[in-house]
Amino acid sequence: MSNEAWETLSNQAVAISGIVYFLGFIAHLWQWASLRKVPVSRAERVAVGAGSRSGGASAGPRRSGATEQAWSEDEVSAAAGEGTRRRVAMGERLGIILTMIATAVHLVALVGRGMAAEPNRVPWGNMYEFTLAGTFFVSLTYLVLLRRFHLAWLGPIVTGFVVTLLMIDVIWLHEEVAPLTEALNSYWLVIHVVSAVIATAAFTLGGFTSVLYLLKERAERKAVVGAGGAGTGEAAAQPVVRGYLARVPDLVGLDRLTYRLHAFAFPVWTFAVLITGPIWAHEAWSRYWNWDPKEVWAFITWVVYAAYLHARATAGFKGRNAAILALIGLATLWFNFIGINFFSSSSMHSYA
């Protein structure tokens, strides 16, 4: 195939993956819309999806298909009938399958982009390609962790996020294929960028769970106030929330999952920012540290996440404050990824 054919294949694959991600998003919305009229039992309010389990057997979710669900098929059938159960199961499975297909096509787009260059290279030569790679790793990380942490409930957020960023990438960030700049023409490009995007993907998923924690905490607080304040018994301990938030993990489960995602991402980010980055900078510019805006903001992100993990390990820093600090870290991360390019004209990382 010619370089032009590879570039055309890449562009078509990006469009197809965006469409399939969107269909996966619709399938997940269909699943959760089907659950709206199903009463939320105590079994469904426990920490499913985050690796925690209740003591009783009835509190655990049932296994169905590719993942354990955040809903009980028997309870859905009893509450809303066999038809609703089938729609809910089909929506979840279809959403996951479509996400897998979209991720595979997304990979084709990345490979085609690299093969379109002369000479062939990794597809990380400009902001368009970095965003294409970053969204791919967000989706891939979600799928890799799907069974381990039972993350099917995160499907509509991940697919919606990825399809939105792909639209932005194609409309505003697209560039024609070009050779790598001299600074990028190094094997450190692969090591540094792969570790950075893996960490970014995990931090992003941790940001999603942090937002859900804050939203669910607020919803539970409003439910308690609406019920006339704190009472006694199970109703006080388990305030009833409605809709999508009712079937995500409970606050303890969300907090635990958020911590695990950040505990995984932080050492990978450390490797990318404080080890491979300076080594590559020395190779390209003869200095380990240049006080470049991207370098400074990458270090700020590292400090924020280091503070988050240190506070959790030493002071029992959990819950709402931890979620807010995690979101501050995510804001610095994404500002460094995209914002620096629009607010700084002096960065030597202008290609990224």
Protein backbone atom coordinates (compact mmCIF):
# COMPACT_ATOMS: atom_id res chain seq x y z
CA MET A 1 0.00 0.00 0.00
CA SER A 2 1.12 3.55 -0.71
CA ASN A 3 1.52 6.19 1.97
CA GLU A 4 -1.61 7.93 0.71
CA ALA A 5 -3.58 4.70 0.96
CA TRP A 6 -2.41 4.16 4.55
CA GLU A 7 -3.40 7.71 5.48
CA THR A 8 -6.83 7.24 3.88
CA LEU A 9 -7.25 3.97 5.78
CA SER A 10 -6.32 5.72 9.02
CA ASN A 11 -8.78 8.55 8.46
CA GLN A 12 -11.57 6.10 7.58
CA ALA A 13 -10.77 3.95 10.61
CA VAL A 14 -10.99 7.00 12.89
CA ALA A 15 -14.42 7.82 11.48
CA ILE A 16 -15.64 4.22 11.78
CA SER A 17 -14.33 3.83 15.33
CA GLY A 18 -16.06 7.07 16.33
CA ILE A 19 -19.35 5.78 14.92
CA VAL A 20 -19.00 2.43 16.69
CA TYR A 21 -18.05 4.11 19.98
CA PHE A 22 -21.19 6.23 19.62
CA LEU A 23 -23.31 3.11 19.01
CA GLY A 24 -21.76 1.56 22.11
CA PHE A 25 -22.67 4.69 24.04
CA ILE A 26 -26.28 4.40 22.80
CA ALA A 27 -26.38 0.72 23.78
CA HIS A 28 -25.27 1.56 27.32
CA LEU A 29 -27.85 4.34 27.53
CA TRP A 30 -30.49 1.84 26.41
CA GLN A 31 -29.35 -0.53 29.17
CA TRP A 32 -29.60 2.10 31.88
CA ALA A 33 -32.87 3.47 30.53
CA SER A 34 -34.31 -0.03 30.81
CA LEU A 35 -33.28 -0.12 34.47
CA ARG A 36 -34.98 3.19 35.36
CA LYS A 37 -38.29 1.62 36.30
CA VAL A 38 -36.75 -1.22 38.26
CA PRO A 39 -36.71 -0.62 42.05
CA VAL A 40 -33.23 -0.45 43.55
CA SER A 41 -32.86 -3.07 46.27
CA ARG A 42 -30.26 -3.16 48.99
CA ALA A 43 -28.43 -5.87 47.04
CA GLU A 44 -27.93 -3.45 44.18
CA ARG A 45 -26.67 -0.65 46.44
CA VAL A 46 -23.64 -2.55 47.68
CA ALA A 47 -20.18 -1.98 46.29
CA VAL A 48 -20.38 -3.90 43.04
CA GLY A 49 -17.74 -3.15 40.48
CA ALA A 50 -15.00 -2.17 42.91
CA GLY A 51 -13.83 -5.50 44.20
CA SER A 52 -15.67 -5.29 47.54
CA ARG A 53 -18.24 -7.80 48.66
CA SER A 54 -20.93 -7.90 51.28
CA GLY A 55 -20.98 -10.70 53.75
CA GLY A 56 -24.24 -12.27 52.61
CA ALA A 57 -24.56 -14.30 49.46
CA SER A 58 -27.64 -12.40 48.35
CA ALA A 59 -25.68 -9.14 48.26
CA GLY A 60 -23.33 -10.23 45.49
CA PRO A 61 -24.12 -9.50 41.87
CA ARG A 62 -24.79 -12.37 39.51
CA ARG A 63 -22.32 -13.30 36.79
CA SER A 64 -23.63 -12.91 33.29
CA GLY A 65 -21.66 -12.93 30.06
CA ALA A 66 -18.37 -11.04 29.93
CA THR A 67 -18.61 -9.32 33.28
CA GLU A 68 -20.38 -9.26 36.60
CA GLN A 69 -23.29 -6.87 36.48
CA ALA A 70 -24.27 -4.01 38.77
CA TRP A 71 -27.80 -5.42 38.79
CA SER A 72 -29.40 -8.75 39.64
CA GLU A 73 -31.14 -10.51 36.77
CA ASP A 74 -33.52 -12.28 39.15
CA GLU A 75 -34.51 -9.02 40.85
CA VAL A 76 -35.01 -7.26 37.50
CA SER A 77 -37.20 -10.14 36.30
CA ALA A 78 -39.25 -10.11 39.50
CA ALA A 79 -39.66 -6.34 39.52
CA ALA A 80 -40.18 -5.56 35.86
CA GLY A 81 -40.54 -8.81 33.96
CA GLU A 82 -38.49 -11.05 31.71
CA GLY A 83 -38.59 -8.57 28.83
CA THR A 84 -36.86 -5.87 30.88
CA ARG A 85 -34.21 -8.32 32.04
CA ARG A 86 -33.42 -9.26 28.46
CA ARG A 87 -33.21 -5.64 27.35
CA VAL A 88 -30.86 -4.77 30.21
CA ALA A 89 -28.61 -7.79 29.54
CA MET A 90 -28.59 -7.14 25.80
CA GLY A 91 -27.78 -3.45 26.28
CA GLU A 92 -24.79 -4.22 28.49
CA ARG A 93 -23.39 -6.97 26.28
CA LEU A 94 -23.94 -4.99 23.10
CA GLY A 95 -22.27 -1.92 24.62
CA ILE A 96 -19.20 -3.92 25.64
CA ILE A 97 -18.94 -5.72 22.29
CA LEU A 98 -19.25 -2.47 20.35
CA THR A 99 -16.59 -0.87 22.55
CA MET A 100 -14.26 -3.78 21.82
CA ILE A 101 -14.86 -3.47 18.09
CA ALA A 102 -14.36 0.31 18.19
CA THR A 103 -11.09 -0.10 20.11
CA ALA A 104 -9.82 -2.60 17.54
CA VAL A 105 -10.68 -0.22 14.67
CA HIS A 106 -9.08 2.60 16.69
CA LEU A 107 -5.87 0.56 16.74
CA VAL A 108 -6.06 0.18 12.95
CA ALA A 109 -6.27 3.98 12.71
CA LEU A 110 -3.10 4.34 14.79
CA VAL A 111 -1.19 1.72 12.81
CA GLY A 112 -2.32 3.23 9.51
CA ARG A 113 -1.19 6.67 10.65
CA GLY A 114 2.31 5.39 11.40
CA MET A 115 2.54 3.42 8.16
CA ALA A 116 1.50 6.50 6.16
CA ALA A 117 4.69 8.35 7.08
CA GLU A 118 7.93 8.14 5.14
CA PRO A 119 9.84 6.51 6.70
CA ASN A 120 7.38 4.50 8.77
CA ARG A 121 7.22 5.64 12.37
CA VAL A 122 5.20 5.44 15.57
CA PRO A 123 2.00 7.53 15.33
CA TRP A 124 3.02 10.18 17.86
CA GLY A 125 4.27 13.07 15.80
CA ASN A 126 1.77 15.85 16.56
CA MET A 127 -1.15 16.81 18.78
CA TYR A 128 -3.66 15.02 16.56
CA GLU A 129 -1.77 11.76 16.85
CA PHE A 130 -1.14 12.12 20.58
CA THR A 131 -4.87 12.64 21.17
CA LEU A 132 -5.68 9.66 18.96
CA ALA A 133 -3.29 7.53 21.01
CA GLY A 134 -4.51 8.90 24.35
CA THR A 135 -8.18 8.11 23.64
CA PHE A 136 -7.21 4.63 22.43
CA PHE A 137 -5.44 3.88 25.70
CA VAL A 138 -8.39 5.18 27.75
CA SER A 139 -10.67 2.69 25.99
CA LEU A 140 -8.09 -0.11 26.11
CA THR A 141 -7.43 0.40 29.84
CA TYR A 142 -11.18 0.28 30.52
CA LEU A 143 -11.50 -3.01 28.63
CA VAL A 144 -8.43 -4.53 30.31
CA LEU A 145 -9.77 -3.66 33.78
CA LEU A 146 -13.39 -4.49 32.91
CA ARG A 147 -13.45 -8.03 34.30
CA ARG A 148 -10.99 -7.40 37.14
CA PHE A 149 -13.00 -4.56 38.68
CA HIS A 150 -16.43 -5.24 37.10
CA LEU A 151 -16.54 -1.86 35.35
CA ALA A 152 -19.51 -2.35 33.00
CA TRP A 153 -21.29 0.51 34.80
CA LEU A 154 -18.51 2.84 33.57
CA GLY A 155 -19.23 2.02 29.92
CA PRO A 156 -21.44 5.01 29.01
CA ILE A 157 -18.94 7.47 30.50
CA VAL A 158 -15.91 5.96 28.76
CA THR A 159 -17.58 5.67 25.34
CA GLY A 160 -19.08 9.16 25.61
CA PHE A 161 -15.72 10.64 26.60
CA VAL A 162 -13.79 8.90 23.82
CA VAL A 163 -16.24 9.77 21.04
CA THR A 164 -16.29 13.41 22.18
CA LEU A 165 -12.49 13.70 22.14
CA LEU A 166 -12.30 11.98 18.76
CA MET A 167 -14.71 14.57 17.34
CA ILE A 168 -12.56 17.39 18.76
CA ASP A 169 -9.42 15.70 17.44
CA VAL A 170 -10.76 15.35 13.90
CA ILE A 171 -12.41 18.77 13.68
CA TRP A 172 -9.79 21.02 15.33
CA LEU A 173 -6.53 19.11 15.72
CA HIS A 174 -6.18 17.14 12.50
CA GLU A 175 -2.89 17.48 10.60
CA GLU A 176 -1.50 15.83 7.52
CA VAL A 177 1.06 13.06 7.98
CA ALA A 178 4.61 14.43 8.16
CA PRO A 179 8.05 13.11 9.15
CA LEU A 180 9.05 13.28 12.79
CA THR A 181 10.83 16.40 13.99
CA GLU A 182 14.47 15.92 14.92
CA ALA A 183 13.71 15.97 18.65
CA LEU A 184 11.13 13.20 18.26
CA ASN A 185 13.30 10.94 16.12
CA SER A 186 14.44 8.76 19.02
CA TYR A 187 13.64 5.37 20.51
CA TRP A 188 12.88 7.25 23.74
CA LEU A 189 9.73 8.48 22.01
CA VAL A 190 8.22 5.00 22.31
CA ILE A 191 9.27 4.47 25.93
CA HIS A 192 8.30 7.93 27.16
CA VAL A 193 4.98 8.30 25.31
CA VAL A 194 3.69 4.78 25.97
CA SER A 195 4.28 5.12 29.72
CA ALA A 196 2.78 8.64 29.72
CA VAL A 197 -0.42 7.66 27.88
CA ILE A 198 -0.93 4.54 30.01
CA ALA A 199 -0.69 6.66 33.16
CA THR A 200 -2.94 9.31 31.61
CA ALA A 201 -5.57 6.69 30.78
CA ALA A 202 -5.57 5.31 34.32
CA PHE A 203 -5.65 8.80 35.86
CA THR A 204 -8.59 9.66 33.58
CA LEU A 205 -10.56 6.61 34.70
CA GLY A 206 -9.73 7.58 38.28
CA GLY A 207 -11.10 11.05 37.52
CA PHE A 208 -14.36 9.51 36.28
CA THR A 209 -14.77 7.54 39.51
CA SER A 210 -13.92 10.65 41.55
CA VAL A 211 -16.69 12.62 39.81
CA LEU A 212 -19.12 9.76 40.39
CA TYR A 213 -18.12 9.68 44.06
CA LEU A 214 -18.91 13.39 44.49
CA LEU A 215 -22.20 13.07 42.59
CA LYS A 216 -23.32 10.02 44.54
CA GLU A 217 -22.35 11.54 47.89
CA ARG A 218 -24.39 14.63 47.03
CA ALA A 219 -27.33 12.50 45.91
CA GLU A 220 -27.26 10.46 49.12
CA ARG A 221 -27.04 13.61 51.21
CA LYS A 222 -30.08 15.05 49.43
CA ALA A 223 -31.91 11.73 49.89
CA VAL A 224 -31.31 11.87 53.63
CA VAL A 225 -32.50 15.49 53.82
CA GLY A 226 -35.54 14.65 51.70
CA ALA A 227 -36.39 11.81 54.07
CA GLY A 228 -36.42 14.20 57.02
CA GLY A 229 -32.82 13.88 58.19
CA ALA A 230 -30.98 11.00 59.74
CA GLY A 231 -33.22 8.34 61.11
CA THR A 232 -32.62 4.90 62.43
CA GLY A 233 -32.27 1.52 60.84
CA GLU A 234 -31.28 0.53 57.32
CA ALA A 235 -33.06 3.48 55.66
CA ALA A 236 -30.70 5.88 57.41
CA ALA A 237 -27.61 3.79 56.68
CA GLN A 238 -28.56 3.18 53.05
CA PRO A 239 -30.20 6.30 51.59
CA VAL A 240 -31.98 5.56 48.34
CA VAL A 241 -30.70 7.29 45.22
CA ARG A 242 -32.35 7.01 41.83
CA GLY A 243 -31.24 6.46 38.27
CA TYR A 244 -27.73 5.69 37.11
CA LEU A 245 -26.07 6.63 40.41
CA ALA A 246 -28.15 4.04 42.23
CA ARG A 247 -26.37 1.22 40.44
CA VAL A 248 -22.76 2.37 40.50
CA PRO A 249 -20.63 1.13 43.43
CA ASP A 250 -21.32 2.56 46.85
CA LEU A 251 -19.12 5.34 48.23
CA VAL A 252 -16.68 2.95 49.88
CA GLY A 253 -16.32 0.96 46.68
CA LEU A 254 -15.87 4.07 44.52
CA ASP A 255 -13.26 5.47 46.91
CA ARG A 256 -11.35 2.18 46.93
CA LEU A 257 -11.44 1.85 43.14
CA THR A 258 -10.26 5.45 42.70
CA TYR A 259 -7.30 4.79 44.98
CA ARG A 260 -6.35 1.60 43.13
CA LEU A 261 -6.39 3.36 39.76
CA HIS A 262 -4.18 6.16 41.05
CA ALA A 263 -1.84 3.77 42.85
CA PHE A 264 -1.28 1.99 39.54
CA ALA A 265 -0.93 5.14 37.42
CA PHE A 266 1.42 7.11 39.69
CA PRO A 267 4.59 4.97 39.38
CA VAL A 268 4.04 4.76 35.61
CA TRP A 269 3.72 8.56 35.45
CA THR A 270 6.85 8.86 37.62
CA PHE A 271 8.75 6.68 35.17
CA ALA A 272 7.54 8.78 32.24
CA VAL A 273 8.07 12.24 33.77
CA LEU A 274 11.06 11.90 36.09
CA ILE A 275 13.08 9.17 34.36
CA THR A 276 12.50 8.76 30.63
CA GLY A 277 11.55 12.40 30.06
CA PRO A 278 14.77 13.91 31.44
CA ILE A 279 16.91 11.25 29.73
CA TRP A 280 15.26 12.01 26.39
CA ALA A 281 15.58 15.77 26.99
CA HIS A 282 19.30 15.37 27.61
CA GLU A 283 19.67 13.36 24.41
CA ALA A 284 17.70 15.88 22.35
CA TRP A 285 18.67 19.21 23.94
CA SER A 286 21.78 18.36 26.05
CA ARG A 287 19.97 19.26 29.28
CA TYR A 288 17.99 17.07 31.66
CA TRP A 289 15.68 19.92 32.67
CA ASN A 290 14.82 23.01 30.62
CA TRP A 291 11.99 24.61 32.63
CA ASP A 292 9.80 24.11 29.58
CA PRO A 293 6.07 24.73 30.32
CA LYS A 294 5.21 21.09 29.55
CA GLU A 295 7.94 19.85 31.85
CA VAL A 296 6.88 22.18 34.65
CA TRP A 297 3.20 21.21 34.41
CA ALA A 298 4.08 17.52 34.21
CA PHE A 299 5.99 17.96 37.47
CA ILE A 300 3.06 19.88 39.02
CA THR A 301 0.80 16.97 38.10
CA TRP A 302 3.27 14.58 39.72
CA VAL A 303 3.32 16.67 42.92
CA VAL A 304 -0.50 16.77 43.16
CA TYR A 305 -0.86 13.02 42.70
CA ALA A 306 2.05 12.38 45.09
CA ALA A 307 0.23 14.48 47.69
CA TYR A 308 -2.97 12.51 47.04
CA LEU A 309 -1.31 9.12 47.56
CA HIS A 310 0.82 10.32 50.50
CA ALA A 311 -2.21 11.74 52.30
CA ARG A 312 -4.16 8.54 51.79
CA ALA A 313 -1.29 6.40 53.06
CA THR A 314 -0.38 8.48 56.12
CA ALA A 315 -3.46 10.40 57.23
CA GLY A 316 -6.35 8.24 56.13
CA PHE A 317 -7.27 10.90 53.60
CA LYS A 318 -10.40 9.47 51.96
CA GLY A 319 -13.82 10.37 50.65
CA ARG A 320 -14.84 13.76 49.34
CA ASN A 321 -11.57 15.61 49.95
CA ALA A 322 -9.57 12.84 48.29
CA ALA A 323 -11.89 12.91 45.26
CA ILE A 324 -11.49 16.69 44.93
CA LEU A 325 -7.68 16.43 45.13
CA ALA A 326 -7.71 13.68 42.49
CA LEU A 327 -9.74 15.94 40.19
CA ILE A 328 -7.27 18.80 40.72
CA GLY A 329 -4.55 16.41 39.59
CA LEU A 330 -6.59 15.44 36.53
CA ALA A 331 -7.14 19.11 35.66
CA THR A 332 -3.38 19.76 35.73
CA LEU A 333 -2.81 16.63 33.66
CA TRP A 334 -5.20 17.57 30.86
CA PHE A 335 -4.16 21.22 30.92
CA ASN A 336 -0.60 20.05 30.37
CA PHE A 337 -1.75 17.72 27.60
CA ILE A 338 -3.82 20.25 25.62
CA GLY A 339 -3.95 23.65 27.32
CA ILE A 340 -0.24 24.46 27.17
CA ASN A 341 -0.39 24.39 23.38
CA PHE A 342 -2.91 27.26 23.38
CA PHE A 343 -1.45 29.38 26.19
CA SER A 344 2.27 29.09 25.60
CA SER A 345 4.29 30.02 22.51
CA SER A 346 7.68 29.24 24.04
CA SER A 347 7.29 25.50 24.68
CA MET A 348 9.81 23.25 23.00
CA HIS A 349 7.03 20.63 23.10
CA SER A 350 4.88 22.56 20.63
CA TYR A 351 4.58 19.42 18.52
CA ALA A 352 2.76 17.72 21.44
